[in-house]
N, C-alpha and C. Protein backbone atom coordinates (compact mmCIF):
# COMPACT_ATOMS: atom_id res chain seq x y z
N MET A 1 64.48 150.50 112.06
CA MET A 1 64.32 150.44 113.46
C MET A 1 62.35 149.82 113.58
N ASP A 2 61.55 150.83 112.39
CA ASP A 2 60.34 150.31 112.03
C ASP A 2 60.38 148.82 111.83
N ALA A 3 60.98 148.02 111.15
CA ALA A 3 60.79 146.72 110.57
C ALA A 3 61.26 146.13 111.98
N LEU A 4 62.45 146.65 112.96
CA LEU A 4 62.67 145.37 114.14
C LEU A 4 62.01 145.85 115.36
N GLN A 5 60.65 146.83 114.78
CA GLN A 5 59.47 147.31 115.76
C GLN A 5 58.22 146.50 115.89
N SER A 6 58.20 146.61 114.79
CA SER A 6 57.34 145.92 113.98
C SER A 6 57.13 144.43 114.16
N THR A 7 58.72 143.63 114.19
CA THR A 7 58.80 142.05 114.54
C THR A 7 58.78 142.02 115.63
N LEU A 8 59.02 142.89 116.53
CA LEU A 8 58.95 142.92 118.20
C LEU A 8 57.38 142.06 118.69
N THR A 9 56.69 143.71 117.84
CA THR A 9 55.47 143.56 118.59
C THR A 9 54.37 142.78 117.83
N ASP A 10 54.28 141.86 116.60
CA ASP A 10 54.23 140.71 115.91
C ASP A 10 53.88 139.87 116.25
N ILE A 11 53.01 138.96 117.50
CA ILE A 11 53.16 137.92 118.08
C ILE A 11 53.10 137.00 117.31
N ASN A 12 52.68 137.00 115.82
CA ASN A 12 52.96 135.84 115.00
C ASN A 12 54.13 135.75 114.46
N GLN A 13 55.58 136.67 114.33
CA GLN A 13 56.68 136.88 113.89
C GLN A 13 57.46 136.45 115.11
N LEU A 14 56.97 136.75 116.20
CA LEU A 14 57.90 136.75 117.69
C LEU A 14 57.98 135.65 117.97
N LEU A 15 56.60 134.92 117.93
CA LEU A 15 56.84 132.74 118.78
C LEU A 15 57.49 132.41 117.63
N PRO A 16 57.59 132.11 116.43
CA PRO A 16 58.10 131.28 115.96
C PRO A 16 60.09 131.72 116.48
N ILE A 17 60.33 132.85 116.42
CA ILE A 17 61.42 133.00 116.06
C ILE A 17 62.03 132.66 117.23
N ILE A 18 61.47 133.00 118.79
CA ILE A 18 61.78 132.96 119.91
C ILE A 18 61.84 131.39 119.78
N ASN A 19 60.61 129.83 119.26
CA ASN A 19 60.72 128.58 119.39
C ASN A 19 61.70 128.43 119.18
N HIS A 20 62.33 128.97 117.65
CA HIS A 20 63.21 128.37 117.09
C HIS A 20 64.48 128.44 117.71
N TRP A 21 64.86 129.80 118.34
CA TRP A 21 66.21 130.57 119.15
C TRP A 21 65.79 129.50 119.86
N PHE A 22 64.87 128.79 120.52
CA PHE A 22 64.97 127.74 121.78
C PHE A 22 65.77 126.63 121.56
N HIS A 23 65.15 126.15 119.94
CA HIS A 23 65.48 124.91 119.83
C HIS A 23 66.46 124.70 119.37
N LEU A 24 67.64 125.63 118.37
CA LEU A 24 68.76 126.05 118.45
C LEU A 24 69.87 125.80 119.43
N VAL A 25 69.30 126.70 120.79
CA VAL A 25 70.62 126.71 121.79
C VAL A 25 70.27 125.46 122.10
N SER A 26 69.05 124.57 122.16
CA SER A 26 68.59 123.41 123.37
C SER A 26 70.24 122.87 122.28
N ALA A 27 69.94 122.39 121.32
CA ALA A 27 70.40 121.84 119.98
C ALA A 27 72.39 122.15 120.81
N VAL A 28 73.01 122.74 119.96
CA VAL A 28 73.57 123.95 120.59
C VAL A 28 74.49 123.18 121.48
N ILE A 29 73.47 123.31 122.92
CA ILE A 29 74.19 122.86 124.26
C ILE A 29 74.53 121.35 124.35
N TRP A 30 73.23 120.85 123.64
CA TRP A 30 74.12 119.28 123.38
C TRP A 30 74.90 118.51 122.79
N ILE A 31 75.02 119.10 121.78
CA ILE A 31 76.25 118.48 120.69
C ILE A 31 77.13 119.34 120.76
N GLY A 32 77.22 121.03 121.48
CA GLY A 32 78.45 121.37 122.19
C GLY A 32 79.56 120.41 123.45
N GLY A 33 78.38 119.81 124.39
CA GLY A 33 78.08 119.05 125.50
C GLY A 33 79.22 117.96 124.72
N LEU A 34 78.65 117.13 124.11
CA LEU A 34 79.11 116.10 123.60
C LEU A 34 80.26 116.40 122.69
N ALA A 35 80.57 116.81 121.74
CA ALA A 35 81.86 117.74 121.16
C ALA A 35 82.81 117.68 122.39
N PHE A 36 82.47 118.71 123.68
CA PHE A 36 83.43 118.57 124.45
C PHE A 36 84.11 117.54 125.54
N LEU A 37 83.43 116.63 125.30
CA LEU A 37 83.34 115.41 126.01
C LEU A 37 83.80 114.37 125.44
N VAL A 38 84.23 114.37 123.76
CA VAL A 38 84.42 113.55 123.27
C VAL A 38 85.36 114.45 122.33
N MET A 39 85.90 115.67 122.42
CA MET A 39 87.27 116.68 121.88
C MET A 39 88.09 116.60 122.96
N ALA A 40 87.86 116.98 124.48
CA ALA A 40 88.26 117.86 125.52
C ALA A 40 88.11 116.28 126.08
N VAL A 41 87.28 116.54 126.94
CA VAL A 41 87.16 115.49 128.55
C VAL A 41 88.11 114.02 128.42
N THR A 42 87.86 113.21 127.36
CA THR A 42 88.35 112.00 127.60
C THR A 42 89.52 112.18 126.72
N PRO A 43 90.41 113.20 125.77
CA PRO A 43 92.01 112.80 125.55
C PRO A 43 92.15 113.82 126.78
N GLY A 44 91.80 114.32 127.41
CA GLY A 44 92.44 114.92 128.78
C GLY A 44 92.57 114.51 129.81
N LEU A 45 91.74 113.24 129.38
CA LEU A 45 91.90 112.87 130.70
C LEU A 45 93.04 111.34 130.51
N LYS A 46 92.61 111.10 129.51
CA LYS A 46 94.14 109.90 129.03
C LYS A 46 95.40 110.50 129.10
N ARG A 47 95.76 111.45 128.48
CA ARG A 47 97.44 112.05 129.31
C ARG A 47 97.20 112.96 130.54
N ALA A 48 96.44 112.86 131.53
CA ALA A 48 96.49 113.58 132.54
C ALA A 48 96.67 112.90 133.82
N VAL A 49 95.55 111.47 133.72
CA VAL A 49 95.32 110.65 134.82
C VAL A 49 95.85 109.21 134.05
N PRO A 50 95.95 108.12 135.18
CA PRO A 50 96.20 106.98 135.52
C PRO A 50 95.40 106.26 134.89
N ARG A 51 95.52 105.70 134.21
CA ARG A 51 94.17 104.89 133.43
C ARG A 51 92.90 104.34 133.87
N GLU A 52 93.01 103.66 135.09
CA GLU A 52 92.53 103.45 136.42
C GLU A 52 91.74 104.17 136.84
N TYR A 53 91.72 105.89 136.25
CA TYR A 53 91.02 107.02 137.03
C TYR A 53 90.32 107.31 135.55
N VAL A 54 90.30 107.17 134.17
CA VAL A 54 90.20 107.34 133.07
C VAL A 54 88.49 107.66 133.04
N LYS A 55 88.14 106.42 133.24
CA LYS A 55 86.12 106.43 133.93
C LYS A 55 85.37 106.74 134.38
N PRO A 56 86.21 106.59 135.86
CA PRO A 56 85.64 106.61 137.04
C PRO A 56 85.42 108.19 136.77
N ILE A 57 86.12 108.86 136.19
CA ILE A 57 86.62 110.73 136.47
C ILE A 57 85.33 111.17 135.31
N SER A 58 85.36 110.42 133.98
CA SER A 58 84.37 110.53 132.12
C SER A 58 83.00 110.24 133.17
N ASP A 59 82.90 109.06 133.94
CA ASP A 59 81.21 109.13 134.22
C ASP A 59 80.73 110.53 134.79
N THR A 60 81.74 110.65 136.09
CA THR A 60 81.45 112.20 136.86
C THR A 60 81.15 113.51 135.71
N PHE A 61 81.35 113.36 134.57
CA PHE A 61 81.54 114.63 133.75
C PHE A 61 79.97 114.34 133.06
N TYR A 62 79.53 112.44 132.58
CA TYR A 62 78.72 112.41 132.03
C TYR A 62 77.61 112.68 133.12
N LYS A 63 77.78 112.06 134.20
CA LYS A 63 76.52 112.16 135.49
C LYS A 63 75.82 113.64 134.98
N GLN A 64 76.69 114.73 134.92
CA GLN A 64 76.00 116.00 135.26
C GLN A 64 75.38 116.52 133.66
N TYR A 65 76.35 115.87 132.57
CA TYR A 65 75.83 116.26 131.18
C TYR A 65 74.63 115.90 130.61
N LYS A 66 74.28 113.90 131.39
CA LYS A 66 73.41 113.71 131.39
C LYS A 66 71.88 114.31 132.10
N ARG A 67 71.81 114.92 133.16
CA ARG A 67 70.56 115.81 133.83
C ARG A 67 70.27 116.79 133.10
N VAL A 68 71.84 117.64 132.45
CA VAL A 68 71.30 118.93 131.43
C VAL A 68 70.29 118.01 130.32
N VAL A 69 71.44 117.22 129.66
CA VAL A 69 70.67 116.53 128.47
C VAL A 69 68.93 115.93 128.75
N GLY A 70 69.00 115.44 129.20
CA GLY A 70 67.44 115.49 129.57
C GLY A 70 66.72 115.84 129.31
N VAL A 71 67.06 116.97 129.87
CA VAL A 71 66.06 118.47 129.80
C VAL A 71 65.90 119.00 128.35
N LEU A 72 67.26 118.80 127.67
CA LEU A 72 67.41 119.52 126.26
C LEU A 72 66.34 118.66 125.56
N LEU A 73 66.13 117.36 125.57
CA LEU A 73 65.58 116.58 124.89
C LEU A 73 64.29 116.84 124.96
N VAL A 74 63.98 117.08 126.07
CA VAL A 74 62.24 117.36 126.03
C VAL A 74 62.34 118.58 125.06
N ILE A 75 62.84 119.61 125.36
CA ILE A 75 63.31 121.11 124.65
C ILE A 75 63.09 120.79 123.42
N ILE A 76 64.35 120.17 122.63
CA ILE A 76 63.98 119.60 121.46
C ILE A 76 62.81 119.19 120.42
N LEU A 77 62.54 118.28 121.33
CA LEU A 77 61.32 117.58 120.85
C LEU A 77 59.80 118.42 120.86
N VAL A 78 60.30 119.25 121.42
CA VAL A 78 58.74 120.01 121.72
C VAL A 78 58.74 121.45 120.61
N THR A 79 59.76 121.89 120.59
CA THR A 79 59.98 122.89 120.22
C THR A 79 59.86 122.28 118.60
N GLY A 80 60.96 121.28 118.07
CA GLY A 80 61.15 120.89 117.03
C GLY A 80 59.58 120.74 116.22
N GLY A 81 58.60 119.93 117.03
CA GLY A 81 57.14 120.02 116.36
C GLY A 81 56.41 121.76 116.15
N ILE A 82 56.82 122.42 117.41
CA ILE A 82 56.52 124.11 116.96
C ILE A 82 56.82 124.08 115.89
N ASN A 83 58.05 124.10 115.29
CA ASN A 83 58.79 124.44 114.57
C ASN A 83 58.50 123.91 113.06
N PHE A 84 58.13 122.42 113.19
CA PHE A 84 57.17 122.27 111.84
C PHE A 84 55.93 122.51 111.65
N HIS A 85 55.16 123.06 112.77
CA HIS A 85 54.13 123.69 112.36
C HIS A 85 54.00 124.96 111.78
N TYR A 86 55.02 126.06 111.99
CA TYR A 86 55.51 127.18 111.69
C TYR A 86 55.97 127.17 110.14
N VAL A 87 56.87 125.99 109.89
CA VAL A 87 57.39 126.19 108.71
C VAL A 87 55.76 125.40 107.56
N ASN A 88 55.02 124.80 107.92
CA ASN A 88 53.82 124.17 106.91
C ASN A 88 53.04 125.45 106.94
N VAL A 89 52.90 126.45 107.63
CA VAL A 89 52.25 127.35 107.49
C VAL A 89 53.08 128.12 106.49
N LEU A 90 54.67 128.70 106.88
CA LEU A 90 54.49 129.77 106.47
C LEU A 90 54.90 128.87 104.82
N LEU A 91 55.03 127.53 104.03
CA LEU A 91 54.83 126.78 102.74
C LEU A 91 53.92 127.13 102.54
N THR A 92 52.24 126.68 103.17
CA THR A 92 51.35 127.41 102.81
C THR A 92 50.50 128.53 102.06
N THR A 93 51.60 129.36 103.16
CA THR A 93 51.18 130.49 102.68
C THR A 93 51.70 131.32 101.29
N GLN A 94 53.06 130.51 101.53
CA GLN A 94 54.20 130.75 100.51
C GLN A 94 52.99 129.66 99.13
N THR A 95 53.16 129.02 98.87
CA THR A 95 52.98 128.86 97.82
C THR A 95 51.27 127.98 97.85
N GLY A 96 51.00 127.99 98.34
CA GLY A 96 49.71 127.20 98.97
C GLY A 96 49.57 126.02 98.26
N LEU A 97 50.84 125.11 98.97
CA LEU A 97 50.75 123.59 99.30
C LEU A 97 51.31 123.25 100.33
N SER A 98 50.80 122.84 101.86
CA SER A 98 51.34 122.12 102.32
C SER A 98 52.64 121.69 102.80
N ILE A 99 52.89 121.33 103.90
CA ILE A 99 54.09 120.61 103.23
C ILE A 99 54.14 119.53 103.04
N SER A 100 52.95 118.71 102.85
CA SER A 100 53.22 117.37 102.81
C SER A 100 53.37 117.31 101.05
N ASN A 101 52.91 118.48 100.28
CA ASN A 101 53.73 118.48 98.98
C ASN A 101 55.32 118.97 98.82
N HIS A 102 55.86 118.98 99.85
CA HIS A 102 57.53 118.91 99.56
C HIS A 102 57.84 118.07 99.88
N PRO A 103 58.17 117.06 98.56
CA PRO A 103 59.13 115.72 98.63
C PRO A 103 60.91 116.09 99.48
N LYS A 104 60.84 117.42 98.91
CA LYS A 104 62.74 117.11 99.21
C LYS A 104 62.83 117.39 100.54
N TYR A 105 61.90 118.63 101.08
CA TYR A 105 61.75 119.32 102.34
C TYR A 105 61.96 117.65 103.47
N LEU A 106 60.74 116.69 102.73
CA LEU A 106 60.11 115.33 104.00
C LEU A 106 61.10 114.65 104.08
N THR A 107 61.87 114.71 102.33
CA THR A 107 62.95 113.56 102.96
C THR A 107 64.35 113.78 104.32
N ILE A 108 64.45 115.52 103.50
CA ILE A 108 65.37 115.39 104.55
C ILE A 108 64.93 115.66 106.02
N PHE A 109 64.15 116.21 106.15
CA PHE A 109 63.21 116.29 107.81
C PHE A 109 63.08 115.24 108.26
N PHE A 110 62.67 114.03 107.12
CA PHE A 110 62.07 112.54 107.75
C PHE A 110 64.30 112.18 108.54
N ILE A 111 65.01 111.91 107.31
CA ILE A 111 66.51 111.91 107.76
C ILE A 111 66.87 112.40 108.91
N LYS A 112 66.52 113.70 109.31
CA LYS A 112 67.01 114.29 110.39
C LYS A 112 66.08 113.67 111.80
N LEU A 113 64.88 113.90 111.37
CA LEU A 113 64.07 112.72 112.80
C LEU A 113 64.65 111.61 112.97
N GLY A 114 65.10 110.82 111.60
CA GLY A 114 65.92 109.88 112.22
C GLY A 114 66.98 109.89 113.15
N LEU A 115 67.74 110.37 112.62
CA LEU A 115 69.38 110.80 112.82
C LEU A 115 69.16 111.20 114.86
N VAL A 116 67.97 111.66 114.78
CA VAL A 116 67.24 112.85 116.22
C VAL A 116 66.90 111.24 117.23
N LEU A 117 66.24 110.51 116.60
CA LEU A 117 65.76 109.51 117.28
C LEU A 117 66.81 108.28 117.66
N ALA A 118 67.97 108.16 116.62
CA ALA A 118 68.96 107.45 117.30
C ALA A 118 69.87 107.45 118.02
N ILE A 119 69.87 108.88 117.97
CA ILE A 119 71.19 110.03 119.15
C ILE A 119 70.31 109.20 120.49
N MET A 120 69.00 110.04 119.90
CA MET A 120 67.80 109.81 122.16
C MET A 120 68.51 107.97 122.22
N THR A 121 68.32 107.07 121.30
CA THR A 121 68.36 105.70 121.70
C THR A 121 69.37 105.72 121.93
N LEU A 122 70.44 106.26 121.41
CA LEU A 122 71.72 106.21 122.45
C LEU A 122 72.61 106.61 123.90
N PHE A 123 71.49 107.59 123.55
CA PHE A 123 71.54 108.73 125.21
C PHE A 123 70.52 108.07 126.22
N LEU A 124 69.23 107.18 125.64
CA LEU A 124 68.82 106.36 126.50
C LEU A 124 69.60 105.04 126.64
N TYR A 125 70.08 104.21 125.94
CA TYR A 125 70.47 103.05 125.95
C TYR A 125 71.65 103.13 127.50
N THR A 126 72.82 104.57 127.04
CA THR A 126 73.48 104.77 128.42
C THR A 126 73.67 105.15 129.65
N VAL A 127 71.96 105.84 129.90
CA VAL A 127 71.19 106.41 131.03
C VAL A 127 70.66 104.56 131.56
N LEU A 128 69.48 104.03 130.41
CA LEU A 128 69.30 103.15 131.21
C LEU A 128 70.38 101.49 131.81
N PHE A 129 71.01 101.52 130.77
CA PHE A 129 72.29 100.01 130.87
C PHE A 129 73.61 100.55 131.20
N LYS A 130 73.31 101.37 132.08
CA LYS A 130 75.08 102.03 132.75
C LYS A 130 75.86 100.84 133.26
N THR A 131 77.09 100.82 132.85
CA THR A 131 77.83 99.61 133.23
C THR A 131 78.67 100.21 134.22
N GLU A 132 78.88 99.75 135.49
CA GLU A 132 80.01 99.67 136.35
C GLU A 132 80.78 98.75 136.48
N GLN A 133 82.25 99.63 136.83
CA GLN A 133 83.10 98.04 136.69
C GLN A 133 83.25 97.86 137.67
N THR A 134 83.19 96.32 137.57
CA THR A 134 83.55 95.08 138.17
C THR A 134 84.25 94.98 138.75
N GLY A 135 85.49 95.32 138.16
CA GLY A 135 87.78 95.09 138.07
C GLY A 135 87.02 93.31 137.71
N GLU A 136 86.15 92.62 137.21
CA GLU A 136 86.79 91.67 136.44
C GLU A 136 86.33 91.80 134.95
N GLU A 137 86.43 92.86 134.41
CA GLU A 137 86.75 92.93 133.11
C GLU A 137 88.06 92.26 132.19
N THR A 138 87.93 91.92 131.34
CA THR A 138 89.05 91.44 130.20
C THR A 138 89.77 92.74 130.02
N ALA A 139 90.97 92.20 129.45
CA ALA A 139 91.99 93.60 129.25
C ALA A 139 91.52 94.13 128.09
N GLU A 140 90.85 93.53 127.12
CA GLU A 140 89.97 94.20 125.86
C GLU A 140 88.95 94.77 126.58
N GLU A 141 88.07 94.74 127.46
CA GLU A 141 87.16 95.43 128.17
C GLU A 141 87.69 96.67 128.38
N LYS A 142 88.72 96.69 129.14
CA LYS A 142 89.73 97.89 129.63
C LYS A 142 89.89 98.51 128.49
N GLU A 143 90.21 98.15 127.77
CA GLU A 143 90.92 99.07 126.58
C GLU A 143 90.12 99.48 125.89
N GLU A 144 88.84 99.00 125.36
CA GLU A 144 87.57 99.73 124.92
C GLU A 144 87.23 101.08 125.85
N GLN A 145 87.02 100.44 127.27
CA GLN A 145 86.60 101.64 128.39
C GLN A 145 87.22 102.30 128.39
N LEU A 146 88.88 102.74 128.15
CA LEU A 146 89.70 103.43 127.99
C LEU A 146 89.69 104.38 126.49
N TYR A 147 89.62 103.61 125.58
CA TYR A 147 89.25 104.78 123.91
C TYR A 147 88.20 105.06 124.53
N GLU A 148 86.98 104.94 124.77
CA GLU A 148 86.06 105.36 124.50
C GLU A 148 85.20 105.36 126.44
N PRO A 149 85.41 105.91 127.03
CA PRO A 149 85.04 105.71 128.40
C PRO A 149 83.27 106.20 128.48
N ILE A 150 82.03 106.80 127.54
CA ILE A 150 81.51 107.20 127.86
C ILE A 150 80.81 106.44 126.24
N PRO A 151 79.88 105.51 126.86
CA PRO A 151 79.42 104.28 125.39
C PRO A 151 78.61 105.42 124.09
N PHE A 152 79.30 104.93 122.52
CA PHE A 152 79.05 105.65 121.81
C PHE A 152 78.91 107.15 121.88
N GLN A 153 79.96 107.66 122.17
CA GLN A 153 80.04 109.43 122.15
C GLN A 153 80.66 109.72 120.90
N ARG A 154 81.14 108.75 120.24
CA ARG A 154 81.94 109.14 118.90
C ARG A 154 80.80 108.88 118.04
N ALA A 155 80.06 107.90 118.08
CA ALA A 155 79.11 108.00 116.86
C ALA A 155 77.81 108.96 117.56
N ALA A 156 77.36 109.04 118.62
CA ALA A 156 76.67 110.22 118.66
C ALA A 156 76.69 111.76 118.31
N LEU A 157 78.14 111.83 118.73
CA LEU A 157 78.87 112.91 117.96
C LEU A 157 78.61 113.45 116.36
N TRP A 158 79.21 112.52 116.10
CA TRP A 158 78.71 112.38 114.58
C TRP A 158 77.45 112.26 113.72
N MET A 159 76.57 112.12 114.85
CA MET A 159 75.23 111.88 113.83
C MET A 159 75.24 113.28 114.71
N GLY A 160 75.21 114.14 115.35
CA GLY A 160 74.83 115.35 115.79
C GLY A 160 75.12 116.23 114.80
N LEU A 161 76.33 116.47 114.49
CA LEU A 161 76.71 117.01 112.99
C LEU A 161 76.34 116.72 111.75
N PHE A 162 75.62 115.34 111.67
CA PHE A 162 74.64 115.59 110.40
C PHE A 162 73.34 115.70 110.74
N ILE A 163 72.76 115.68 111.70
CA ILE A 163 71.45 116.12 112.47
C ILE A 163 71.21 118.10 112.15
N ILE A 164 72.65 118.53 112.55
CA ILE A 164 73.20 119.95 112.06
C ILE A 164 72.92 120.20 110.58
N LEU A 165 73.44 119.19 109.64
CA LEU A 165 73.54 119.51 108.67
C LEU A 165 71.91 119.24 107.87
N CYS A 166 71.34 118.54 108.43
CA CYS A 166 69.96 118.58 107.86
C CYS A 166 69.05 119.55 108.03
N ALA A 167 69.64 120.34 109.48
CA ALA A 167 68.64 121.21 109.99
C ALA A 167 68.93 122.93 109.21
N ALA A 168 70.16 122.52 108.26
CA ALA A 168 71.05 123.25 107.54
C ALA A 168 70.24 123.35 106.37
N ALA A 169 69.86 122.18 105.76
CA ALA A 169 69.38 122.42 104.39
C ALA A 169 68.08 122.40 104.59
N LEU A 170 67.10 122.09 105.75
CA LEU A 170 65.86 122.33 105.51
C LEU A 170 65.30 123.84 105.62
N LYS A 171 66.63 124.53 106.54
CA LYS A 171 66.41 126.11 106.69
C LYS A 171 66.14 126.28 105.13
N HIS A 172 66.75 126.56 104.27
CA HIS A 172 67.32 126.99 102.95
C HIS A 172 66.23 126.48 102.14
N LEU A 173 65.64 125.56 102.25
CA LEU A 173 64.95 124.51 101.47
C LEU A 173 62.91 125.54 101.98
N HIS A 174 62.82 126.09 102.90
CA HIS A 174 61.61 127.03 102.71
C HIS A 174 61.51 128.14 102.58
N GLN A 175 63.11 128.98 102.08
CA GLN A 175 63.20 130.46 102.34
C GLN A 175 62.66 130.76 100.96
């Protein structure tokens, strides 16, 4: 009980814990929502509604998801930067060397950061260049929209899963 009380009263321990929690919750909501769209919404719509309604209904779900993800992106970037600071402080106190002297950690961190930037680019692409159905689409374009009504959703999900893998690796490299 004393250990819990000391953690809860020591602001230097509590702030990194709360920050990391916000970071993780935001990532879980973002990637979990994307997984739900890819694994449940799109396949369910393909089976439950006529083909011409799959894209409009998916767009309705995605419109709401985009609002949430926009806020989550800001939270993830801010809390990620703060996490990086706290890891640097931890590594410096443990080893006497700053994070710049830990090449394994930096390599995985930059892979993770590259994936985050790629997934954010895909998200911003779908926000900025939203394609409206005009009725003049070719049969191939219609089939592609049925397969993936929200552009790049599968690619973004895979990148998200690899981001989580990198996060797990990073967590074990600084303990």
